[in-house]
Amino acid sequence: MKNDHLPAPGPDSYEHERYMRAALVEAAAAAEADEVPIGAVIVHRGRIIARAHNQRETLKDPTAHAEMIALTQAAAARGDWRLHGCTMYVTLEPCPMCAGALVWARLDRVVYGPADPKAGACRSLYRIADDARLNHRLEVIAGFMEEPCRALLQDFFARKRKTATNGYP
């Protein structure tokens, strides 16, 4: 089930783009709330069943990553913690906590934007999502719509640096 490459052009690629754009809308909502702009959606049978963005600052919760909130929503929507048949679209490579949660939730696939060389746990630092030693593995599609996802993050942190330079919190 390993898949390090982008999907071939065609109907699947169009669907992937549609759902990643929905994740980008969530990431933009995070930026508006002064949260690190990461968004996630979970899709089951062609329908978005969960939408979330980072809320660590808002909720004062270190686990309030977009992926974790989306998993909770999807489990509620499905009435089961087992999310077979689901795909998560997320605007940055999941961290170890989130990648582990994706495995435990038994998703079929994760599609993410840019790699996270400091905390990425699907490819960059670890390969939790498809580690054969775990009881479940999921397909990984890395680097999908990488540029718009990266631009949102870079713009957010550039604004933060500019604000800090101007003497504001």
N, C-alpha and C. Protein backbone atom coordinates (compact mmCIF):
# COMPACT_ATOMS: atom_id res chain seq x y z
N MET A 1 0.81 -1.20 0.00
CA MET A 1 0.00 0.00 0.00
C MET A 1 0.85 1.26 0.00
N LYS A 2 2.14 1.15 -0.14
CA LYS A 2 2.98 2.34 -0.16
C LYS A 2 2.75 3.10 -1.45
N ASN A 3 2.70 4.42 -1.35
CA ASN A 3 2.51 5.27 -2.50
C ASN A 3 3.14 6.61 -2.19
N ASP A 4 4.37 6.80 -2.66
CA ASP A 4 5.07 8.05 -2.41
C ASP A 4 4.89 9.06 -3.54
N HIS A 5 4.18 8.69 -4.56
CA HIS A 5 4.08 9.58 -5.71
C HIS A 5 2.70 10.23 -5.79
N LEU A 6 2.66 11.24 -6.60
CA LEU A 6 1.40 11.94 -6.79
C LEU A 6 0.46 11.09 -7.62
N PRO A 7 -0.84 11.28 -7.46
CA PRO A 7 -1.79 10.51 -8.26
C PRO A 7 -1.68 10.88 -9.73
N ALA A 8 -1.95 9.91 -10.60
CA ALA A 8 -1.94 10.17 -12.04
C ALA A 8 -3.06 11.13 -12.38
N PRO A 9 -2.87 11.96 -13.41
CA PRO A 9 -3.96 12.84 -13.82
C PRO A 9 -5.19 12.02 -14.17
N GLY A 10 -6.34 12.56 -13.87
CA GLY A 10 -7.58 11.84 -14.16
C GLY A 10 -8.60 12.14 -13.09
N PRO A 11 -9.68 11.34 -13.05
CA PRO A 11 -10.77 11.61 -12.10
C PRO A 11 -10.30 11.61 -10.65
N ASP A 12 -9.40 10.70 -10.28
CA ASP A 12 -8.91 10.68 -8.90
C ASP A 12 -8.17 11.96 -8.56
N SER A 13 -7.36 12.44 -9.50
CA SER A 13 -6.61 13.67 -9.27
C SER A 13 -7.55 14.85 -9.06
N TYR A 14 -8.63 14.91 -9.85
CA TYR A 14 -9.62 15.97 -9.69
C TYR A 14 -10.25 15.90 -8.30
N GLU A 15 -10.62 14.70 -7.86
CA GLU A 15 -11.22 14.54 -6.53
C GLU A 15 -10.23 14.93 -5.45
N HIS A 16 -8.98 14.50 -5.58
CA HIS A 16 -7.96 14.88 -4.60
C HIS A 16 -7.85 16.40 -4.51
N GLU A 17 -7.84 17.07 -5.65
CA GLU A 17 -7.72 18.53 -5.65
C GLU A 17 -8.94 19.17 -4.98
N ARG A 18 -10.11 18.68 -5.27
CA ARG A 18 -11.34 19.21 -4.65
C ARG A 18 -11.27 19.15 -3.13
N TYR A 19 -10.84 18.03 -2.61
CA TYR A 19 -10.80 17.85 -1.16
C TYR A 19 -9.64 18.60 -0.52
N MET A 20 -8.50 18.68 -1.22
CA MET A 20 -7.39 19.45 -0.67
C MET A 20 -7.75 20.94 -0.63
N ARG A 21 -8.52 21.40 -1.60
CA ARG A 21 -8.96 22.81 -1.56
C ARG A 21 -9.86 23.05 -0.34
N ALA A 22 -10.67 22.07 0.01
CA ALA A 22 -11.49 22.20 1.23
C ALA A 22 -10.60 22.25 2.47
N ALA A 23 -9.52 21.48 2.47
CA ALA A 23 -8.57 21.53 3.59
C ALA A 23 -7.88 22.90 3.64
N LEU A 24 -7.59 23.47 2.49
CA LEU A 24 -6.98 24.81 2.44
C LEU A 24 -7.93 25.88 2.99
N VAL A 25 -9.22 25.72 2.76
CA VAL A 25 -10.20 26.66 3.34
C VAL A 25 -10.12 26.58 4.87
N GLU A 26 -10.01 25.37 5.39
CA GLU A 26 -9.86 25.21 6.84
C GLU A 26 -8.56 25.83 7.33
N ALA A 27 -7.48 25.64 6.59
CA ALA A 27 -6.19 26.23 6.98
C ALA A 27 -6.29 27.75 7.02
N ALA A 28 -6.98 28.34 6.04
CA ALA A 28 -7.17 29.80 6.02
C ALA A 28 -7.97 30.25 7.24
N ALA A 29 -8.95 29.45 7.66
CA ALA A 29 -9.73 29.78 8.87
C ALA A 29 -8.83 29.76 10.09
N ALA A 30 -7.89 28.83 10.12
CA ALA A 30 -6.93 28.79 11.24
C ALA A 30 -6.10 30.07 11.27
N ALA A 31 -5.61 30.48 10.11
CA ALA A 31 -4.81 31.71 10.03
C ALA A 31 -5.61 32.91 10.51
N GLU A 32 -6.87 32.97 10.14
CA GLU A 32 -7.75 34.07 10.58
C GLU A 32 -7.87 34.11 12.10
N ALA A 33 -7.81 32.94 12.72
CA ALA A 33 -7.91 32.84 14.18
C ALA A 33 -6.54 32.94 14.85
N ASP A 34 -5.52 33.29 14.07
CA ASP A 34 -4.14 33.40 14.54
C ASP A 34 -3.59 32.06 15.02
N GLU A 35 -4.05 30.99 14.39
CA GLU A 35 -3.55 29.64 14.63
C GLU A 35 -2.64 29.27 13.46
N VAL A 36 -1.69 28.37 13.68
CA VAL A 36 -0.86 27.88 12.58
C VAL A 36 -1.81 27.32 11.52
N PRO A 37 -1.70 27.79 10.28
CA PRO A 37 -2.69 27.45 9.26
C PRO A 37 -2.55 26.04 8.68
N ILE A 38 -3.09 25.11 9.42
CA ILE A 38 -3.16 23.72 8.95
C ILE A 38 -4.63 23.33 8.99
N GLY A 39 -5.09 22.77 7.88
CA GLY A 39 -6.46 22.33 7.77
C GLY A 39 -6.53 20.88 7.35
N ALA A 40 -7.64 20.24 7.71
CA ALA A 40 -7.84 18.83 7.36
C ALA A 40 -9.31 18.57 7.08
N VAL A 41 -9.55 17.68 6.13
CA VAL A 41 -10.89 17.16 5.90
C VAL A 41 -10.79 15.64 5.79
N ILE A 42 -11.87 14.97 6.15
CA ILE A 42 -11.94 13.52 5.99
C ILE A 42 -13.12 13.22 5.09
N VAL A 43 -12.87 12.35 4.13
CA VAL A 43 -13.85 12.01 3.11
C VAL A 43 -14.20 10.52 3.21
N HIS A 44 -15.49 10.24 3.13
CA HIS A 44 -15.98 8.86 3.09
C HIS A 44 -17.01 8.75 1.98
N ARG A 45 -16.78 7.86 1.05
CA ARG A 45 -17.70 7.63 -0.08
C ARG A 45 -18.04 8.92 -0.82
N GLY A 46 -17.02 9.72 -1.09
CA GLY A 46 -17.21 10.93 -1.88
C GLY A 46 -17.85 12.09 -1.15
N ARG A 47 -17.97 12.01 0.17
CA ARG A 47 -18.60 13.07 0.94
C ARG A 47 -17.69 13.48 2.09
N ILE A 48 -17.53 14.77 2.29
CA ILE A 48 -16.73 15.26 3.41
C ILE A 48 -17.54 15.04 4.69
N ILE A 49 -16.96 14.27 5.63
CA ILE A 49 -17.65 14.00 6.89
C ILE A 49 -17.01 14.72 8.07
N ALA A 50 -15.86 15.37 7.83
CA ALA A 50 -15.21 16.12 8.90
C ALA A 50 -14.38 17.24 8.28
N ARG A 51 -14.40 18.40 8.96
CA ARG A 51 -13.61 19.57 8.55
C ARG A 51 -13.03 20.17 9.82
N ALA A 52 -11.74 20.45 9.80
CA ALA A 52 -11.13 21.01 11.02
C ALA A 52 -9.87 21.79 10.67
N HIS A 53 -9.48 22.63 11.61
CA HIS A 53 -8.22 23.35 11.50
C HIS A 53 -7.58 23.39 12.90
N ASN A 54 -6.32 23.76 12.92
CA ASN A 54 -5.62 23.85 14.20
C ASN A 54 -6.36 24.77 15.16
N GLN A 55 -6.41 24.35 16.42
CA GLN A 55 -7.04 25.17 17.46
C GLN A 55 -6.26 25.09 18.78
N ARG A 56 -4.97 24.86 18.69
CA ARG A 56 -4.18 24.72 19.92
C ARG A 56 -4.21 25.98 20.77
N GLU A 57 -4.08 27.13 20.15
CA GLU A 57 -4.09 28.39 20.91
C GLU A 57 -5.49 28.68 21.44
N THR A 58 -6.48 28.50 20.59
CA THR A 58 -7.86 28.79 20.96
C THR A 58 -8.32 27.93 22.13
N LEU A 59 -8.04 26.64 22.05
CA LEU A 59 -8.50 25.71 23.07
C LEU A 59 -7.48 25.50 24.20
N LYS A 60 -6.29 26.06 24.04
CA LYS A 60 -5.21 25.86 25.02
C LYS A 60 -4.97 24.36 25.23
N ASP A 61 -4.93 23.64 24.10
CA ASP A 61 -4.84 22.18 24.10
C ASP A 61 -3.74 21.74 23.14
N PRO A 62 -2.68 21.12 23.65
CA PRO A 62 -1.59 20.71 22.76
C PRO A 62 -1.99 19.64 21.75
N THR A 63 -3.10 18.96 21.97
CA THR A 63 -3.54 17.92 21.03
C THR A 63 -4.54 18.44 20.01
N ALA A 64 -4.86 19.72 20.03
CA ALA A 64 -5.90 20.26 19.14
C ALA A 64 -5.35 20.56 17.75
N HIS A 65 -4.69 19.57 17.17
CA HIS A 65 -4.23 19.66 15.79
C HIS A 65 -5.43 19.43 14.87
N ALA A 66 -5.37 19.95 13.67
CA ALA A 66 -6.45 19.79 12.70
C ALA A 66 -6.80 18.31 12.51
N GLU A 67 -5.78 17.47 12.42
CA GLU A 67 -6.02 16.04 12.18
C GLU A 67 -6.78 15.40 13.33
N MET A 68 -6.41 15.73 14.54
CA MET A 68 -7.05 15.12 15.72
C MET A 68 -8.51 15.54 15.82
N ILE A 69 -8.78 16.81 15.59
CA ILE A 69 -10.16 17.30 15.65
C ILE A 69 -10.99 16.66 14.54
N ALA A 70 -10.42 16.55 13.35
CA ALA A 70 -11.13 15.93 12.23
C ALA A 70 -11.43 14.46 12.52
N LEU A 71 -10.49 13.75 13.13
CA LEU A 71 -10.73 12.34 13.47
C LEU A 71 -11.91 12.21 14.43
N THR A 72 -11.97 13.08 15.43
CA THR A 72 -13.07 13.04 16.39
C THR A 72 -14.40 13.30 15.68
N GLN A 73 -14.42 14.28 14.79
CA GLN A 73 -15.65 14.58 14.04
C GLN A 73 -16.06 13.41 13.15
N ALA A 74 -15.09 12.81 12.46
CA ALA A 74 -15.39 11.71 11.55
C ALA A 74 -15.92 10.50 12.32
N ALA A 75 -15.32 10.21 13.46
CA ALA A 75 -15.79 9.09 14.28
C ALA A 75 -17.24 9.33 14.73
N ALA A 76 -17.55 10.55 15.09
CA ALA A 76 -18.93 10.89 15.49
C ALA A 76 -19.87 10.74 14.30
N ALA A 77 -19.44 11.21 13.12
CA ALA A 77 -20.28 11.11 11.93
C ALA A 77 -20.54 9.66 11.53
N ARG A 78 -19.53 8.83 11.69
CA ARG A 78 -19.66 7.41 11.31
C ARG A 78 -20.25 6.57 12.44
N GLY A 79 -20.22 7.07 13.66
CA GLY A 79 -20.68 6.28 14.79
C GLY A 79 -19.76 5.13 15.12
N ASP A 80 -18.48 5.31 14.80
CA ASP A 80 -17.49 4.25 15.02
C ASP A 80 -16.10 4.89 14.99
N TRP A 81 -15.21 4.42 15.84
CA TRP A 81 -13.86 4.95 15.82
C TRP A 81 -13.04 4.37 14.67
N ARG A 82 -13.51 3.27 14.10
CA ARG A 82 -12.82 2.65 12.97
C ARG A 82 -13.25 3.38 11.70
N LEU A 83 -12.30 4.03 11.05
CA LEU A 83 -12.62 4.87 9.90
C LEU A 83 -12.19 4.22 8.58
N HIS A 84 -12.46 2.92 8.45
CA HIS A 84 -12.20 2.22 7.19
C HIS A 84 -12.96 2.93 6.07
N GLY A 85 -12.35 2.99 4.90
CA GLY A 85 -13.00 3.62 3.76
C GLY A 85 -12.86 5.13 3.74
N CYS A 86 -12.10 5.69 4.67
CA CYS A 86 -11.94 7.15 4.76
C CYS A 86 -10.55 7.59 4.31
N THR A 87 -10.51 8.79 3.77
CA THR A 87 -9.25 9.44 3.38
C THR A 87 -9.18 10.79 4.07
N MET A 88 -8.01 11.10 4.63
CA MET A 88 -7.78 12.43 5.20
C MET A 88 -6.94 13.23 4.21
N TYR A 89 -7.34 14.48 4.02
CA TYR A 89 -6.58 15.46 3.26
C TYR A 89 -6.12 16.50 4.26
N VAL A 90 -4.81 16.75 4.31
CA VAL A 90 -4.27 17.69 5.29
C VAL A 90 -3.18 18.52 4.63
N THR A 91 -3.09 19.78 5.01
CA THR A 91 -2.24 20.74 4.32
C THR A 91 -0.77 20.70 4.72
N LEU A 92 -0.39 19.82 5.64
CA LEU A 92 1.01 19.62 6.01
C LEU A 92 1.16 18.18 6.48
N GLU A 93 2.33 17.63 6.26
CA GLU A 93 2.60 16.26 6.70
C GLU A 93 2.30 16.11 8.19
N PRO A 94 1.53 15.10 8.57
CA PRO A 94 1.19 14.90 9.98
C PRO A 94 2.41 14.63 10.88
N CYS A 95 2.30 15.10 12.12
CA CYS A 95 3.32 14.89 13.15
C CYS A 95 3.20 13.46 13.69
N PRO A 96 4.10 13.03 14.59
CA PRO A 96 4.00 11.68 15.15
C PRO A 96 2.66 11.40 15.85
N MET A 97 2.15 12.35 16.62
CA MET A 97 0.88 12.14 17.31
C MET A 97 -0.24 11.89 16.31
N CYS A 98 -0.31 12.74 15.30
CA CYS A 98 -1.39 12.65 14.33
C CYS A 98 -1.24 11.43 13.42
N ALA A 99 -0.02 11.14 12.99
CA ALA A 99 0.19 9.95 12.15
C ALA A 99 -0.19 8.69 12.92
N GLY A 100 0.16 8.64 14.19
CA GLY A 100 -0.24 7.49 15.01
C GLY A 100 -1.74 7.39 15.13
N ALA A 101 -2.41 8.51 15.31
CA ALA A 101 -3.87 8.51 15.42
C ALA A 101 -4.51 8.05 14.11
N LEU A 102 -3.93 8.42 12.98
CA LEU A 102 -4.46 7.96 11.69
C LEU A 102 -4.38 6.44 11.58
N VAL A 103 -3.27 5.89 12.05
CA VAL A 103 -3.12 4.42 12.04
C VAL A 103 -4.16 3.80 12.96
N TRP A 104 -4.27 4.29 14.19
CA TRP A 104 -5.20 3.70 15.16
C TRP A 104 -6.64 3.82 14.69
N ALA A 105 -6.96 4.90 13.95
CA ALA A 105 -8.31 5.09 13.45
C ALA A 105 -8.59 4.24 12.20
N ARG A 106 -7.55 3.64 11.67
CA ARG A 106 -7.67 2.72 10.53
C ARG A 106 -8.18 3.39 9.25
N LEU A 107 -7.72 4.60 9.01
CA LEU A 107 -8.05 5.24 7.74
C LEU A 107 -7.41 4.46 6.59
N ASP A 108 -7.94 4.62 5.40
CA ASP A 108 -7.36 3.97 4.23
C ASP A 108 -6.17 4.75 3.68
N ARG A 109 -6.25 6.09 3.76
CA ARG A 109 -5.28 6.90 3.04
C ARG A 109 -5.14 8.27 3.69
N VAL A 110 -3.94 8.85 3.55
CA VAL A 110 -3.71 10.24 3.90
C VAL A 110 -3.06 10.90 2.69
N VAL A 111 -3.57 12.08 2.35
CA VAL A 111 -3.04 12.89 1.26
C VAL A 111 -2.62 14.21 1.89
N TYR A 112 -1.35 14.56 1.76
CA TYR A 112 -0.91 15.81 2.39
C TYR A 112 -0.09 16.66 1.44
N GLY A 113 0.00 17.94 1.80
CA GLY A 113 0.75 18.92 1.02
C GLY A 113 2.25 18.77 1.25
N PRO A 114 2.91 19.83 1.72
CA PRO A 114 4.36 19.76 1.87
C PRO A 114 4.81 18.85 3.01
N ALA A 115 6.02 18.37 2.85
CA ALA A 115 6.68 17.61 3.92
C ALA A 115 6.98 18.56 5.07
N ASP A 116 7.10 18.00 6.27
CA ASP A 116 7.49 18.77 7.44
C ASP A 116 8.80 18.20 7.95
N PRO A 117 9.92 18.79 7.55
CA PRO A 117 11.22 18.23 7.92
C PRO A 117 11.53 18.26 9.41
N LYS A 118 10.79 19.06 10.19
CA LYS A 118 11.03 19.15 11.62
C LYS A 118 10.15 18.22 12.44
N ALA A 119 8.99 17.83 11.89
CA ALA A 119 8.07 17.02 12.70
C ALA A 119 7.28 15.99 11.89
N GLY A 120 7.52 15.88 10.61
CA GLY A 120 6.74 14.99 9.76
C GLY A 120 6.96 13.52 10.10
N ALA A 121 5.85 12.78 10.20
CA ALA A 121 5.95 11.39 10.62
C ALA A 121 5.34 10.41 9.62
N CYS A 122 5.07 10.88 8.40
CA CYS A 122 4.63 9.95 7.36
C CYS A 122 5.77 9.62 6.41
N ARG A 123 6.70 10.58 6.25
CA ARG A 123 7.86 10.37 5.39
C ARG A 123 9.13 11.06 5.90
N SER A 124 9.01 12.27 6.41
CA SER A 124 10.20 13.08 6.68
C SER A 124 11.09 12.54 7.79
N LEU A 125 10.56 12.38 8.98
CA LEU A 125 11.35 11.87 10.10
C LEU A 125 11.06 10.40 10.39
N TYR A 126 9.81 10.02 10.22
CA TYR A 126 9.36 8.65 10.49
C TYR A 126 8.43 8.22 9.38
N ARG A 127 8.10 6.94 9.37
CA ARG A 127 7.14 6.39 8.41
C ARG A 127 6.05 5.65 9.18
N ILE A 128 5.44 6.34 10.11
CA ILE A 128 4.44 5.71 10.99
C ILE A 128 3.25 5.19 10.19
N ALA A 129 2.81 5.94 9.19
CA ALA A 129 1.59 5.59 8.47
C ALA A 129 1.65 4.24 7.77
N ASP A 130 2.82 3.82 7.37
CA ASP A 130 2.91 2.52 6.68
C ASP A 130 4.00 1.62 7.27
N ASP A 131 4.24 1.78 8.55
CA ASP A 131 5.22 0.95 9.26
C ASP A 131 4.67 -0.48 9.41
N ALA A 132 5.35 -1.42 8.83
CA ALA A 132 4.88 -2.82 8.82
C ALA A 132 4.81 -3.43 10.21
N ARG A 133 5.45 -2.80 11.19
CA ARG A 133 5.41 -3.34 12.55
C ARG A 133 4.10 -3.02 13.26
N LEU A 134 3.32 -2.09 12.72
CA LEU A 134 2.05 -1.71 13.34
C LEU A 134 0.92 -2.58 12.78
N ASN A 135 -0.20 -2.58 13.48
CA ASN A 135 -1.30 -3.46 13.10
C ASN A 135 -2.10 -2.95 11.91
N HIS A 136 -1.91 -1.73 11.50
CA HIS A 136 -2.62 -1.17 10.34
C HIS A 136 -1.67 -0.23 9.61
N ARG A 137 -1.81 -0.18 8.31
CA ARG A 137 -1.04 0.73 7.49
C ARG A 137 -1.99 1.45 6.55
N LEU A 138 -1.63 2.69 6.20
CA LEU A 138 -2.46 3.41 5.25
C LEU A 138 -1.63 3.90 4.09
N GLU A 139 -2.28 4.08 2.97
CA GLU A 139 -1.64 4.62 1.78
C GLU A 139 -1.26 6.07 2.06
N VAL A 140 -0.10 6.48 1.56
CA VAL A 140 0.36 7.86 1.74
C VAL A 140 0.57 8.48 0.37
N ILE A 141 -0.07 9.61 0.15
CA ILE A 141 0.18 10.41 -1.05
C ILE A 141 0.77 11.73 -0.55
N ALA A 142 2.05 11.89 -0.79
CA ALA A 142 2.81 13.03 -0.26
C ALA A 142 2.99 14.11 -1.32
N GLY A 143 3.03 15.35 -0.88
CA GLY A 143 3.36 16.46 -1.76
C GLY A 143 2.24 16.90 -2.69
N PHE A 144 1.01 16.56 -2.36
CA PHE A 144 -0.11 16.94 -3.23
C PHE A 144 -0.48 18.41 -2.99
N MET A 145 -0.55 19.18 -4.06
CA MET A 145 -0.82 20.63 -3.99
C MET A 145 0.12 21.29 -2.98
N GLU A 146 1.34 20.89 -3.06
CA GLU A 146 2.37 21.34 -2.13
C GLU A 146 2.53 22.86 -2.09
N GLU A 147 2.53 23.49 -3.25
CA GLU A 147 2.82 24.93 -3.30
C GLU A 147 1.76 25.80 -2.63
N PRO A 148 0.47 25.63 -2.91
CA PRO A 148 -0.49 26.51 -2.21
C PRO A 148 -0.51 26.26 -0.70
N CYS A 149 -0.29 25.01 -0.30
CA CYS A 149 -0.24 24.71 1.15
C CYS A 149 0.96 25.38 1.79
N ARG A 150 2.11 25.28 1.13
CA ARG A 150 3.34 25.88 1.65
C ARG A 150 3.21 27.40 1.70
N ALA A 151 2.63 28.00 0.66
CA ALA A 151 2.50 29.46 0.60
C ALA A 151 1.68 29.99 1.77
N LEU A 152 0.62 29.29 2.12
CA LEU A 152 -0.21 29.72 3.25
C LEU A 152 0.60 29.72 4.55
N LEU A 153 1.37 28.68 4.76
CA LEU A 153 2.22 28.60 5.96
C LEU A 153 3.30 29.68 5.95
N GLN A 154 3.96 29.87 4.81
CA GLN A 154 5.02 30.86 4.72
C GLN A 154 4.49 32.28 4.94
N ASP A 155 3.34 32.58 4.36
CA ASP A 155 2.75 33.91 4.55
C ASP A 155 2.40 34.15 6.01
N PHE A 156 1.84 33.14 6.68
CA PHE A 156 1.48 33.25 8.08
C PHE A 156 2.71 33.55 8.94
N PHE A 157 3.77 32.78 8.75
CA PHE A 157 4.97 32.98 9.57
C PHE A 157 5.71 34.26 9.21
N ALA A 158 5.64 34.68 7.96
CA ALA A 158 6.24 35.97 7.58
C ALA A 158 5.52 37.11 8.31
N ARG A 159 4.19 37.04 8.38
CA ARG A 159 3.43 38.07 9.12
C ARG A 159 3.78 38.04 10.60
N LYS A 160 3.93 36.85 11.16
CA LYS A 160 4.29 36.72 12.58
C LYS A 160 5.66 37.36 12.83
N ARG A 161 6.63 37.08 11.95
CA ARG A 161 7.97 37.66 12.12
C ARG A 161 7.93 39.18 11.99
N LYS A 162 7.15 39.67 11.04
CA LYS A 162 7.04 41.12 10.83
C LYS A 162 6.42 41.77 12.06
N THR A 163 5.39 41.17 12.60
CA THR A 163 4.75 41.71 13.80
C THR A 163 5.72 41.72 14.97
N ALA A 164 6.49 40.65 15.12
CA ALA A 164 7.46 40.57 16.23
C ALA A 164 8.55 41.61 16.04
N THR A 165 8.97 41.87 14.82
CA THR A 165 10.00 42.85 14.53
C THR A 165 9.51 44.26 14.83
N ASN A 166 8.22 44.51 14.62
CA ASN A 166 7.67 45.84 14.87
C ASN A 166 7.34 46.08 16.33
N GLY A 167 7.68 45.15 17.20
CA GLY A 167 7.48 45.35 18.62
C GLY A 167 6.13 44.93 19.15
N TYR A 168 5.33 44.27 18.34
CA TYR A 168 4.04 43.80 18.81
C TYR A 168 4.15 42.33 19.19
N PRO A 169 3.23 41.84 20.02
CA PRO A 169 3.33 40.44 20.45
C PRO A 169 3.24 39.46 19.32
